[in-house]
Structures are given as C-alpha cells and as structure tokens.
Amino acid sequence: MKRNFEELMLSQISQIEQGTPLLLHSCCAPCSSACLERLKDRFSITVLYYNPNIDERAEYEKRKAEQIRFLQETGWANILDCDHDAAAFAKIAQGLENEPERGARCYKCYALRLEKTAQTAKEQGFAWFATTLTLSPHKNAEWLNELGEKAGAAYGVGYLYTDFKKKNGYRRSIELSNQYGLYRQNFCGCKYSKR
C-alpha cells in the first residue's frame, strides 16, 4: 500500500517546533520555489545546493546562480553551497549508462544527493532535512522518501517526508518561476537525461 507522504509531512510538521532549522536539498530554483513557499513560515530553512549529476559546468553554474538570486530576492532561506562534484555522479552512474530515465541510475543519483544532505545536516547541526526533488512529476516520490528515510536513520537526522507535487505544487512552481523570471531547464542535469 502506497504511503501518503503529504499526510505524513503534515503530521510531522504538527509535532515540530515552529522555527526549527531545516536543511532543504535543492536541485534548482524553480523546484525550490513552491517547496520554500510551503515551508518558509514553519521552518528556518537553509538550502543545500548539491547536484553532482549536472554534467556541464556552465549549466551547473547557471542553475546555481538562479538559486542564489531567487533566495536573495525572496529572503525565504539561506544557502549552503557545495562544490560541483561531478566525479561522485560519474562513479555511481558507472555501468548504468544505458539505463532508461527513472531507472536504476536515477535511483542511485537520488541516493547520492540524499545521503550527502543527511550527512551535511548531521555535520552542521540540523535536526531535519528534506528535498525538493519530490516536486517534479518526473521523479519517483516513493523512492525519494524511502532513500531519505534510510539516510536520516544512518546519520541520526530527522527526514521530513514530502510529495511537493501534491496540492498543485508543480503548477505553483511554474507560476513562481514566471513571477521571478527563473531559468527553467528542460532536462534533469546529467548527460543521459539530456540525451
């Protein structure tokens, strides 16, 4: 039976003290927009921009700059930047180059990013972490929440269940992208998704 991650999130939030620090992994400004709008009044949010899957350095920097600009304009969160660690993605993608989109390579990519977020949350003293990846209709929320749960347990940090596409989250991200003039990419980031 599929879990309702929206209900799980709301249940968790009702038990978390207002203003609790949350580390939110973000793949890009457009996806972060609707997620931040939903969480900003409940948590003190720091965005972790960790995306080693983005193949081209110029694309990585463009997306990062948009994330920073969006946060500066809204004031909805701080940012914690990571280096562009393309070698980490190359390592997990090895042998999975011909996998279809939404297959085993994507699963490993989700795991890589969620583990890094949980590890960073632990190191930086965050009690909770989450990801914006569940906003996309192209991402598997079951996998993401399963992996977030595992990473949280491994590092002793609370994982906030999400399915941000619910309650018209994806549509809202498009509206906010238009409002703030955000660059919306047409591929996830790796060379395989671009292909």
Protein backbone atom coordinates (compact mmCIF):
# COMPACT_ATOMS: atom_id res chain seq x y z
CA MET A 1 0.00 0.00 0.00
CA LYS A 2 1.39 3.39 -1.03
CA ARG A 3 2.04 5.84 1.76
CA ASN A 4 0.54 9.31 1.57
CA PHE A 5 3.64 11.47 2.01
CA GLU A 6 1.62 14.69 2.08
CA GLU A 7 -0.27 13.44 5.15
CA LEU A 8 2.92 12.14 6.73
CA MET A 9 4.59 15.54 6.25
CA LEU A 10 1.66 17.41 7.78
CA SER A 11 1.67 15.04 10.75
CA GLN A 12 5.42 15.54 11.25
CA ILE A 13 5.15 19.33 10.94
CA SER A 14 2.41 19.44 13.57
CA GLN A 15 4.89 17.94 16.05
CA ILE A 16 7.93 20.06 15.11
CA GLU A 17 8.53 23.33 16.91
CA GLN A 18 8.00 26.47 14.81
CA GLY A 19 11.30 27.89 13.51
CA THR A 20 13.18 24.59 13.72
CA PRO A 21 16.19 24.58 11.36
CA LEU A 22 15.66 22.50 8.21
CA LEU A 23 18.28 21.67 5.57
CA LEU A 24 16.48 21.51 2.23
CA HIS A 25 18.30 19.87 -0.67
CA SER A 26 17.51 21.79 -3.85
CA CYS A 27 18.03 20.71 -7.43
CA CYS A 28 17.22 24.15 -8.88
CA ALA A 29 15.48 27.45 -8.17
CA PRO A 30 12.21 26.61 -9.98
CA CYS A 31 11.71 23.40 -7.99
CA SER A 32 12.73 25.06 -4.73
CA SER A 33 10.26 27.92 -5.20
CA ALA A 34 6.99 26.16 -4.37
CA CYS A 35 8.66 23.99 -1.71
CA LEU A 36 10.09 27.00 0.09
CA GLU A 37 6.79 28.85 -0.15
CA ARG A 38 5.10 25.94 1.66
CA LEU A 39 7.76 25.53 4.36
CA LYS A 40 9.11 29.03 4.97
CA ASP A 41 6.64 30.02 7.69
CA ARG A 42 7.20 26.81 9.63
CA PHE A 43 10.97 26.27 9.48
CA SER A 44 14.20 28.24 9.47
CA ILE A 45 15.46 26.94 6.12
CA THR A 46 18.91 26.59 4.65
CA VAL A 47 19.06 25.35 1.06
CA LEU A 48 21.77 22.86 0.18
CA TYR A 49 22.64 23.15 -3.50
CA TYR A 50 24.24 19.75 -4.17
CA ASN A 51 23.87 18.46 -7.73
CA PRO A 52 26.84 16.43 -8.97
CA ASN A 53 24.60 14.97 -11.68
CA ILE A 54 24.72 18.20 -13.69
CA ASP A 55 27.15 17.34 -16.42
CA GLU A 56 28.26 20.66 -17.91
CA ARG A 57 30.00 23.15 -15.62
CA ALA A 58 28.29 26.12 -17.34
CA GLU A 59 24.85 24.56 -16.77
CA TYR A 60 25.72 23.86 -13.13
CA GLU A 61 26.82 27.46 -12.56
CA LYS A 62 23.76 28.87 -14.34
CA ARG A 63 21.39 26.86 -12.15
CA LYS A 64 23.33 27.73 -9.00
CA ALA A 65 23.26 31.45 -9.85
CA GLU A 66 19.48 31.27 -10.32
CA GLN A 67 19.11 29.53 -6.96
CA ILE A 68 21.16 32.23 -5.24
CA ARG A 69 19.29 35.04 -7.00
CA PHE A 70 15.91 33.58 -6.06
CA LEU A 71 16.87 33.25 -2.40
CA GLN A 72 18.29 36.78 -2.34
CA GLU A 73 15.12 38.20 -3.88
CA THR A 74 12.70 36.34 -1.62
CA GLY A 75 14.68 36.04 1.60
CA TRP A 76 12.95 32.68 2.13
CA ALA A 77 16.15 30.78 3.02
CA ASN A 78 19.90 30.89 3.34
CA ILE A 79 22.11 28.85 1.02
CA LEU A 80 24.82 26.34 1.73
CA ASP A 81 26.72 25.70 -1.48
CA CYS A 82 28.67 22.59 -2.36
CA ASP A 83 31.41 22.17 -4.89
CA HIS A 84 30.48 20.74 -8.27
CA ASP A 85 31.35 17.12 -7.55
CA ALA A 86 30.80 15.60 -11.00
CA ALA A 87 33.14 12.70 -10.17
CA ALA A 88 30.71 11.47 -7.47
CA PHE A 89 27.92 11.16 -10.02
CA ALA A 90 30.20 9.56 -12.63
CA LYS A 91 31.15 6.92 -10.07
CA ILE A 92 27.56 5.91 -9.22
CA ALA A 93 26.47 6.02 -12.89
CA GLN A 94 29.23 3.64 -13.97
CA GLY A 95 27.68 0.59 -15.63
CA LEU A 96 24.26 2.25 -15.73
CA GLU A 97 24.84 4.48 -18.73
CA ASN A 98 22.19 2.73 -20.84
CA GLU A 99 19.53 2.62 -18.14
CA PRO A 100 16.30 4.41 -19.06
CA GLU A 101 15.28 7.64 -17.36
CA ARG A 102 13.63 6.91 -14.00
CA GLY A 103 15.59 3.65 -13.75
CA ALA A 104 18.44 2.34 -11.60
CA ARG A 105 20.79 5.22 -12.45
CA CYS A 106 18.24 7.77 -11.20
CA TYR A 107 17.70 5.75 -8.02
CA LYS A 108 21.43 5.85 -7.30
CA CYS A 109 21.53 9.57 -8.10
CA TYR A 110 18.71 10.24 -5.62
CA ALA A 111 20.57 8.19 -3.00
CA LEU A 112 23.80 10.12 -3.60
CA ARG A 113 22.13 13.50 -3.11
CA LEU A 114 20.01 12.49 -0.13
CA GLU A 115 22.92 10.86 1.66
CA LYS A 116 25.03 13.99 1.17
CA THR A 117 22.16 16.10 2.53
CA ALA A 118 21.74 13.89 5.61
CA GLN A 119 25.50 13.89 6.21
CA THR A 120 25.66 17.67 5.88
CA ALA A 121 22.63 18.08 8.16
CA LYS A 122 24.39 15.99 10.81
CA GLU A 123 27.69 17.88 10.44
CA GLN A 124 26.03 21.31 10.52
CA GLY A 125 23.67 20.55 13.42
CA PHE A 126 20.33 20.45 11.58
CA ALA A 127 17.68 18.29 13.23
CA TRP A 128 15.72 17.85 9.98
CA PHE A 129 16.32 17.61 6.23
CA ALA A 130 14.20 17.25 3.09
CA THR A 131 14.49 17.50 -0.69
CA THR A 132 12.77 19.48 -3.43
CA LEU A 133 13.07 16.53 -5.82
CA THR A 134 9.56 15.29 -4.97
CA LEU A 135 8.09 18.37 -6.68
CA SER A 136 8.77 17.02 -10.16
CA PRO A 137 6.19 14.75 -11.81
CA HIS A 138 9.23 13.02 -13.37
CA LYS A 139 10.68 11.93 -10.02
CA ASN A 140 9.65 8.90 -8.00
CA ALA A 141 8.40 10.14 -4.61
CA GLU A 142 8.30 6.57 -3.22
CA TRP A 143 12.00 6.11 -3.93
CA LEU A 144 12.94 9.57 -2.69
CA ASN A 145 11.14 9.17 0.62
CA GLU A 146 12.49 5.65 1.10
CA LEU A 147 16.04 6.89 0.50
CA GLY A 148 15.56 9.98 2.66
CA GLU A 149 14.29 7.81 5.49
CA LYS A 150 17.34 5.50 5.19
CA ALA A 151 19.81 8.39 5.04
CA GLY A 152 18.19 10.08 8.02
CA ALA A 153 18.39 6.87 10.06
CA ALA A 154 22.04 6.34 9.07
CA TYR A 155 23.06 9.84 10.20
CA GLY A 156 20.62 10.29 13.08
CA VAL A 157 18.79 13.21 11.49
CA GLY A 158 15.03 13.56 11.01
CA TYR A 159 13.80 13.21 7.45
CA LEU A 160 10.75 15.28 6.51
CA TYR A 161 8.54 13.22 4.22
CA THR A 162 7.34 15.15 1.18
CA ASP A 163 5.46 14.89 -2.05
CA PHE A 164 5.59 18.53 -3.09
CA LYS A 165 3.79 17.89 -6.37
CA LYS A 166 0.60 17.42 -4.32
CA LYS A 167 -1.68 20.42 -3.80
CA ASN A 168 -0.69 21.69 -7.28
CA GLY A 169 2.91 22.16 -6.18
CA TYR A 170 4.38 21.68 -9.64
CA ARG A 171 1.93 24.15 -11.18
CA ARG A 172 2.74 26.64 -8.42
CA SER A 173 6.46 26.29 -9.19
CA ILE A 174 5.72 27.29 -12.80
CA GLU A 175 3.77 30.34 -11.60
CA LEU A 176 6.58 31.38 -9.25
CA SER A 177 9.17 30.78 -11.99
CA ASN A 178 7.25 33.16 -14.24
CA GLN A 179 6.84 35.70 -11.44
CA TYR A 180 10.57 35.75 -10.66
CA GLY A 181 11.78 35.16 -14.24
CA LEU A 182 13.59 31.96 -13.29
CA TYR A 183 15.55 29.89 -15.76
CA ARG A 184 13.70 26.57 -16.21
CA GLN A 185 15.87 23.84 -17.67
CA ASN A 186 14.33 21.13 -19.85
CA PHE A 187 16.40 18.19 -18.55
CA CYS A 188 17.34 16.90 -15.11
CA GLY A 189 21.03 17.61 -15.47
CA CYS A 190 23.05 14.56 -16.42
CA LYS A 191 24.17 13.85 -19.95
CA TYR A 192 21.90 10.81 -20.05
CA SER A 193 18.76 12.82 -19.31
CA LYS A 194 19.86 15.41 -21.85
CA ARG A 195 20.27 12.65 -24.43
